[in-house]
Every structure is written in structure tokens, then in C-alpha cells.
Amino acid sequence: MQPLTGIVITLNEQANIADCVRSLSRICDEVIVVDSLSSDDTVAIAEAEGARVIAQAYLGDGPQKAHGVPFAKHDWILALDADERLDDDAVALIDALALDDPQTAYSFRRKNYVARHWIRAAGFYPDSVVRLYNRTTAGYLPKKAHSSVEAPKIEATTAHLRHFTYKDMSHWIRRIDALSSRDAWAMKERGVRPSRLRPTLHAVNAMLRKLIFKGGLCQGMDGMTVAMTTAFHAYMKYAKLNELYELERDA
């Protein structure tokens, strides 16, 4: 067991949180859950699994992920999303680390799943993400959507996280709806102005990036699915940004 604090943020994650806390507990001697005022059994389940729960209304992705860090008893932080799990190779690698260089953060290769299907097409793998860092030198950027860890040095490992992204295709579409709403809110918060052109331009750009530059055109149905859903997400977040301004103007 390493001197590590595991941190995960949640909002109505009762289906995921038990397995996430158990996964972190394989290598961390402390787990903190920062909960965005869930209305389901997330908090009770997390506490039953031995996690310390801190209630905090949602601040945005980066600020929420940073909120639990001052409460940690260790400087080394292992951050997971509620739908992520450590693969055995990640547990073995972290257990073998000396953790003697606070300047270095560590990235992991993420396997993204739809149900039991591991999607590797169009940039969905290796999808490297930094999850292990020292709070004295590194931390999540204060971005309200799609934040990431900034560190002086990043060591890319070949160890894996399993990311149970979507339960099925319908869940994928529902997640795009929820995430595009969050992204639109975050853009408005940082002052991005509405535009009639941006939804289409960003959707076309996303489609070309996934099909051509990420190779989705040659990767069968998975490649096309990733390209289509990425373009749809891009279109909807800018369309919803426009809608937020319209609602504000009409209020």
C-alpha cells in the first residue's frame, strides 16, 4: 500500500462508486469522494466502502477535482473518475514506484468501453490521461470543462485504466446530451459569445479530425461511430451555448 490519497468526484454515481472506491483502495490508504450533492445513494455507498465524503455543489470540472486535494493526508494524489478502474498492470506499476520525485506526474493508457466492447478506433485508444501527481507541484487546471493535470514533468506509462464510458449506444447519446449542456454552461461562464456558424464549423472539424487524422475512415463501424458522435457533441455544445444566450435575452 502506497502513501496515496485517492480522489474521485461524483454526482448521482450510485451504480459506479462502490467499484471505483474498491479500485482505489487496492493501492491507496485513503479515499476521498467529493460529491456534488447527489440525490441518490452515492454518499451512503461511498461511506460504506470506507471513503471520506466531502459535499460540495458542482464548481466545474477542474475546480471540483481540485476541491478535495487540501483535505488529503498525503501529497501524492491518485485521481479517478467514478466510471474508471485501475487495471492490474496499473496497480503493479504504482506499487513499484518510489514516488521520490514530486516534479513528475504519471499518465496511464485508458481503455474506453461501450458495454463490454473496447473501442480502440479514432483516438479512443490509448487516450493517455494523467491521474497520479504530487499536489506540491501539480494539479488540475481551473477549467470548468475537460480539465487536465498540469505538472512540471509527465512520465507516460504503458499501464492501463478501464473506462466504462457508456453502458450502451443509448447511454452514449444521453451522455452527449448531458456533457454538451455542461460544456455550453462552462463556455458561457468564461465569456464565449454565441455564433450561428460555430456549431456547424466545429462539427465538420470534429468529423474530419476523427475520420481523416485519427484514421476512423479505415477503422470500420467503430471509427464511424466515434466520428459521428464526436461531431454531434461538438455541434450540440455550441448550439446549446446559443440557446443559453437566447434564454437569457428572453428572460
Protein backbone atom coordinates (compact mmCIF):
# COMPACT_ATOMS: atom_id res chain seq x y z
CA MET A 1 0.00 0.00 0.00
CA GLN A 2 1.45 3.34 -1.07
CA PRO A 3 1.12 6.65 0.87
CA LEU A 4 -1.51 7.80 -1.60
CA THR A 5 -4.82 9.61 -1.39
CA GLY A 6 -7.38 8.57 -3.98
CA ILE A 7 -9.85 11.26 -5.03
CA VAL A 8 -13.00 10.91 -7.12
CA ILE A 9 -15.78 13.41 -7.85
CA THR A 10 -19.39 12.25 -8.06
CA LEU A 11 -22.91 13.26 -8.92
CA ASN A 12 -25.53 10.50 -8.73
CA GLU A 13 -22.97 7.73 -9.28
CA GLN A 14 -24.55 5.02 -7.16
CA ALA A 15 -24.04 2.47 -9.95
CA ASN A 16 -20.30 3.18 -10.15
CA ILE A 17 -18.96 4.47 -6.87
CA ALA A 18 -18.55 1.19 -4.95
CA ASP A 19 -16.34 -0.37 -7.62
CA CYS A 20 -14.40 2.88 -8.02
CA VAL A 21 -13.63 3.16 -4.29
CA ARG A 22 -12.65 -0.51 -4.18
CA SER A 23 -10.34 0.01 -7.14
CA LEU A 24 -8.61 2.97 -5.48
CA SER A 25 -8.40 1.09 -2.19
CA ARG A 26 -6.22 -1.55 -3.85
CA ILE A 27 -3.32 0.90 -3.77
CA CYS A 28 -4.40 3.96 -1.70
CA ASP A 29 -4.65 4.05 2.08
CA GLU A 30 -7.14 6.94 1.91
CA VAL A 31 -10.03 7.62 -0.49
CA ILE A 32 -11.88 10.93 -0.67
CA VAL A 33 -15.14 11.37 -2.58
CA VAL A 34 -16.12 14.95 -3.45
CA ASP A 35 -19.85 14.70 -4.02
CA SER A 36 -21.87 17.32 -5.93
CA LEU A 37 -24.96 16.95 -3.70
CA SER A 38 -26.17 13.66 -5.15
CA SER A 39 -29.84 12.81 -4.83
CA ASP A 40 -29.30 9.04 -4.98
CA ASP A 41 -27.38 6.66 -2.69
CA THR A 42 -23.89 7.68 -3.83
CA VAL A 43 -22.83 9.12 -0.48
CA ALA A 44 -24.09 6.20 1.62
CA ILE A 45 -22.43 3.66 -0.67
CA ALA A 46 -19.12 5.56 -0.71
CA GLU A 47 -19.06 5.80 3.07
CA ALA A 48 -19.95 2.12 3.42
CA GLU A 49 -16.89 1.33 1.26
CA GLY A 50 -14.67 3.33 3.61
CA ALA A 51 -14.37 6.60 1.69
CA ARG A 52 -14.45 10.02 3.29
CA VAL A 53 -17.16 12.11 1.62
CA ILE A 54 -16.97 15.87 1.21
CA ALA A 55 -20.13 17.60 -0.01
CA GLN A 56 -19.61 20.42 -2.49
CA ALA A 57 -22.00 21.91 -5.02
CA TYR A 58 -20.56 21.49 -8.51
CA LEU A 59 -17.88 24.09 -9.29
CA GLY A 60 -16.90 22.90 -12.74
CA ASP A 61 -14.63 20.02 -13.73
CA GLY A 62 -11.20 21.34 -12.72
CA PRO A 63 -12.25 23.22 -9.57
CA GLN A 64 -14.32 20.25 -8.39
CA LYS A 65 -11.42 17.82 -8.89
CA ALA A 66 -9.12 20.19 -7.03
CA HIS A 67 -11.54 20.75 -4.15
CA GLY A 68 -10.70 17.56 -2.27
CA VAL A 69 -6.91 17.94 -2.53
CA PRO A 70 -6.40 20.17 0.56
CA PHE A 71 -8.25 17.56 2.66
CA ALA A 72 -5.83 14.76 1.67
CA LYS A 73 -3.36 13.48 4.25
CA HIS A 74 -0.80 12.66 1.52
CA ASP A 75 0.89 14.83 -1.10
CA TRP A 76 0.63 12.12 -3.74
CA ILE A 77 -2.85 12.09 -5.31
CA LEU A 78 -4.39 9.37 -7.48
CA ALA A 79 -7.47 10.79 -9.22
CA LEU A 80 -10.07 8.63 -10.94
CA ASP A 81 -13.44 9.39 -12.45
CA ALA A 82 -16.31 7.40 -10.98
CA ASP A 83 -16.53 5.20 -14.08
CA GLU A 84 -12.79 4.41 -14.16
CA ARG A 85 -10.96 1.42 -12.65
CA LEU A 86 -7.29 0.58 -12.23
CA ASP A 87 -6.17 -2.35 -14.34
CA ASP A 88 -3.88 -4.89 -12.65
CA ASP A 89 -0.87 -3.51 -14.52
CA ALA A 90 -1.58 -0.03 -13.15
CA VAL A 91 -1.78 -1.32 -9.57
CA ALA A 92 1.53 -3.19 -10.02
CA LEU A 93 3.24 -0.17 -11.57
CA ILE A 94 2.09 2.28 -8.90
CA ASP A 95 3.04 -0.15 -6.14
CA ALA A 96 6.58 -0.35 -7.59
CA LEU A 97 7.08 3.42 -7.89
CA ALA A 98 9.44 5.10 -5.44
CA LEU A 99 7.38 8.30 -5.57
CA ASP A 100 10.51 10.28 -4.70
CA ASP A 101 10.24 12.97 -7.39
CA PRO A 102 7.39 15.42 -6.72
CA GLN A 103 8.10 17.10 -10.08
CA THR A 104 6.90 14.04 -12.00
CA ALA A 105 3.28 13.13 -12.69
CA TYR A 106 2.25 9.88 -14.36
CA SER A 107 -0.12 9.23 -17.25
CA PHE A 108 -1.96 5.99 -17.98
CA ARG A 109 -3.45 4.48 -21.11
CA ARG A 110 -7.22 4.44 -20.89
CA LYS A 111 -9.34 1.68 -22.40
CA ASN A 112 -12.76 3.11 -23.27
CA TYR A 113 -15.69 0.69 -23.28
CA VAL A 114 -19.23 0.70 -24.60
CA ALA A 115 -20.80 -2.09 -22.55
CA ARG A 116 -18.16 -4.87 -22.87
CA HIS A 117 -16.86 -3.61 -26.19
CA TRP A 118 -13.44 -1.93 -26.02
CA ILE A 119 -13.34 0.81 -28.66
CA ARG A 120 -9.85 1.46 -30.00
CA ALA A 121 -10.75 3.48 -33.10
CA ALA A 122 -10.30 7.16 -33.99
CA GLY A 123 -8.25 8.18 -30.95
CA PHE A 124 -10.25 6.26 -28.34
CA TYR A 125 -7.04 4.35 -27.53
CA PRO A 126 -4.54 4.82 -25.96
CA ASP A 127 -6.28 8.03 -24.74
CA SER A 128 -3.49 8.89 -22.27
CA VAL A 129 -4.61 10.71 -19.12
CA VAL A 130 -2.60 11.97 -16.12
CA ARG A 131 -4.01 10.53 -12.94
CA LEU A 132 -1.10 10.34 -10.45
CA TYR A 133 0.54 13.56 -9.30
CA ASN A 134 2.09 15.36 -6.33
CA ARG A 135 -0.03 18.24 -5.07
CA THR A 136 3.02 20.35 -4.14
CA THR A 137 3.94 20.84 -7.79
CA ALA A 138 0.94 19.78 -9.89
CA GLY A 139 -2.83 19.85 -10.04
CA TYR A 140 -5.92 20.18 -12.18
CA LEU A 141 -6.24 23.33 -14.25
CA PRO A 142 -9.15 25.59 -13.20
CA LYS A 143 -11.11 24.80 -16.37
CA LYS A 144 -14.82 24.20 -15.86
CA ALA A 145 -14.98 21.55 -18.60
CA HIS A 146 -12.50 18.89 -19.69
CA SER A 147 -9.78 19.87 -17.24
CA SER A 148 -6.44 18.06 -17.03
CA VAL A 149 -3.47 17.85 -14.69
CA GLU A 150 -0.64 20.33 -15.24
CA ALA A 151 2.75 19.18 -13.94
CA PRO A 152 6.42 20.11 -14.43
CA LYS A 153 7.16 16.67 -15.92
CA ILE A 154 4.90 13.87 -17.11
CA GLU A 155 6.06 10.28 -17.39
CA ALA A 156 3.95 8.31 -19.84
CA THR A 157 3.40 4.77 -18.59
CA THR A 158 2.06 1.79 -20.52
CA ALA A 159 -0.21 0.78 -17.64
CA HIS A 160 -3.97 0.90 -18.11
CA LEU A 161 -7.19 2.27 -16.72
CA ARG A 162 -10.51 0.76 -17.72
CA HIS A 163 -13.08 3.44 -18.51
CA PHE A 164 -16.65 2.17 -18.57
CA THR A 165 -17.71 5.14 -20.63
CA TYR A 166 -21.12 4.06 -21.88
CA LYS A 167 -23.49 1.24 -20.91
CA ASP A 168 -24.80 1.03 -24.48
CA MET A 169 -25.36 3.22 -27.53
CA SER A 170 -28.44 4.87 -25.99
CA HIS A 171 -26.41 5.78 -22.92
CA TRP A 172 -23.77 7.27 -25.22
CA ILE A 173 -26.38 9.61 -26.71
CA ARG A 174 -27.71 10.54 -23.26
CA ARG A 175 -24.18 11.34 -22.09
CA ILE A 176 -23.61 13.58 -25.09
CA ASP A 177 -26.79 15.43 -24.13
CA ALA A 178 -25.60 15.89 -20.53
CA LEU A 179 -21.99 16.72 -21.35
CA SER A 180 -22.85 19.15 -24.13
CA SER A 181 -25.08 21.02 -21.67
CA ARG A 182 -22.20 21.17 -19.16
CA ASP A 183 -19.79 22.31 -21.88
CA ALA A 184 -22.16 25.05 -23.03
CA TRP A 185 -22.50 26.29 -19.44
CA ALA A 186 -18.72 26.28 -18.98
CA MET A 187 -18.17 28.20 -22.22
CA LYS A 188 -20.71 30.84 -21.22
CA GLU A 189 -19.07 31.12 -17.79
CA ARG A 190 -15.76 32.00 -19.42
CA GLY A 191 -17.34 34.50 -21.78
CA VAL A 192 -17.57 32.64 -25.10
CA ARG A 193 -20.07 34.53 -27.25
CA PRO A 194 -22.84 32.94 -29.35
CA SER A 195 -22.36 32.30 -33.06
CA ARG A 196 -24.58 30.90 -35.80
CA LEU A 197 -21.55 29.46 -37.62
CA ARG A 198 -19.71 27.73 -34.77
CA PRO A 199 -22.00 24.69 -34.34
CA THR A 200 -21.55 23.62 -37.98
CA LEU A 201 -17.87 24.57 -38.24
CA HIS A 202 -16.91 22.68 -35.08
CA ALA A 203 -18.98 19.64 -36.07
CA VAL A 204 -17.34 19.44 -39.51
CA ASN A 205 -13.90 19.93 -37.97
CA ALA A 206 -14.55 17.16 -35.44
CA MET A 207 -15.76 14.80 -38.16
CA LEU A 208 -12.72 15.40 -40.37
CA ARG A 209 -10.33 15.10 -37.44
CA LYS A 210 -11.71 11.72 -36.39
CA LEU A 211 -12.22 10.27 -39.88
CA ILE A 212 -9.02 11.51 -41.54
CA PHE A 213 -6.39 12.48 -38.98
CA LYS A 214 -7.31 9.80 -36.42
CA GLY A 215 -7.87 7.15 -39.08
CA GLY A 216 -11.53 6.46 -38.37
CA LEU A 217 -12.31 6.13 -42.08
CA CYS A 218 -10.29 2.90 -42.17
CA GLN A 219 -11.48 1.52 -38.83
CA GLY A 220 -14.90 0.21 -39.72
CA MET A 221 -18.07 0.81 -37.74
CA ASP A 222 -16.19 1.84 -34.56
CA GLY A 223 -14.33 4.55 -36.45
CA MET A 224 -17.51 5.90 -38.00
CA THR A 225 -19.37 5.77 -34.69
CA VAL A 226 -16.67 7.74 -32.89
CA ALA A 227 -16.57 10.32 -35.70
CA MET A 228 -20.36 10.75 -35.79
CA THR A 229 -20.80 11.05 -32.04
CA THR A 230 -17.86 13.44 -31.68
CA ALA A 231 -19.30 15.68 -34.40
CA PHE A 232 -22.75 15.54 -32.79
CA HIS A 233 -21.28 16.50 -29.40
CA ALA A 234 -19.38 19.42 -30.96
CA TYR A 235 -22.48 20.67 -32.75
CA MET A 236 -24.75 20.40 -29.72
CA LYS A 237 -22.49 22.18 -27.23
CA TYR A 238 -22.26 25.26 -29.46
CA ALA A 239 -25.97 25.10 -30.34
CA LYS A 240 -26.77 24.93 -26.62
CA LEU A 241 -24.45 27.88 -25.97
CA ASN A 242 -26.52 29.89 -28.43
CA GLU A 243 -29.66 28.69 -26.66
CA LEU A 244 -28.37 29.86 -23.26
CA TYR A 245 -27.89 33.36 -24.59
CA GLU A 246 -31.34 33.30 -26.20
CA LEU A 247 -32.95 32.24 -22.93
CA GLU A 248 -31.05 34.95 -21.06
CA ARG A 249 -32.13 37.58 -23.57
CA ASP A 250 -35.78 36.48 -23.42
CA ALA A 251 -35.92 36.31 -19.62
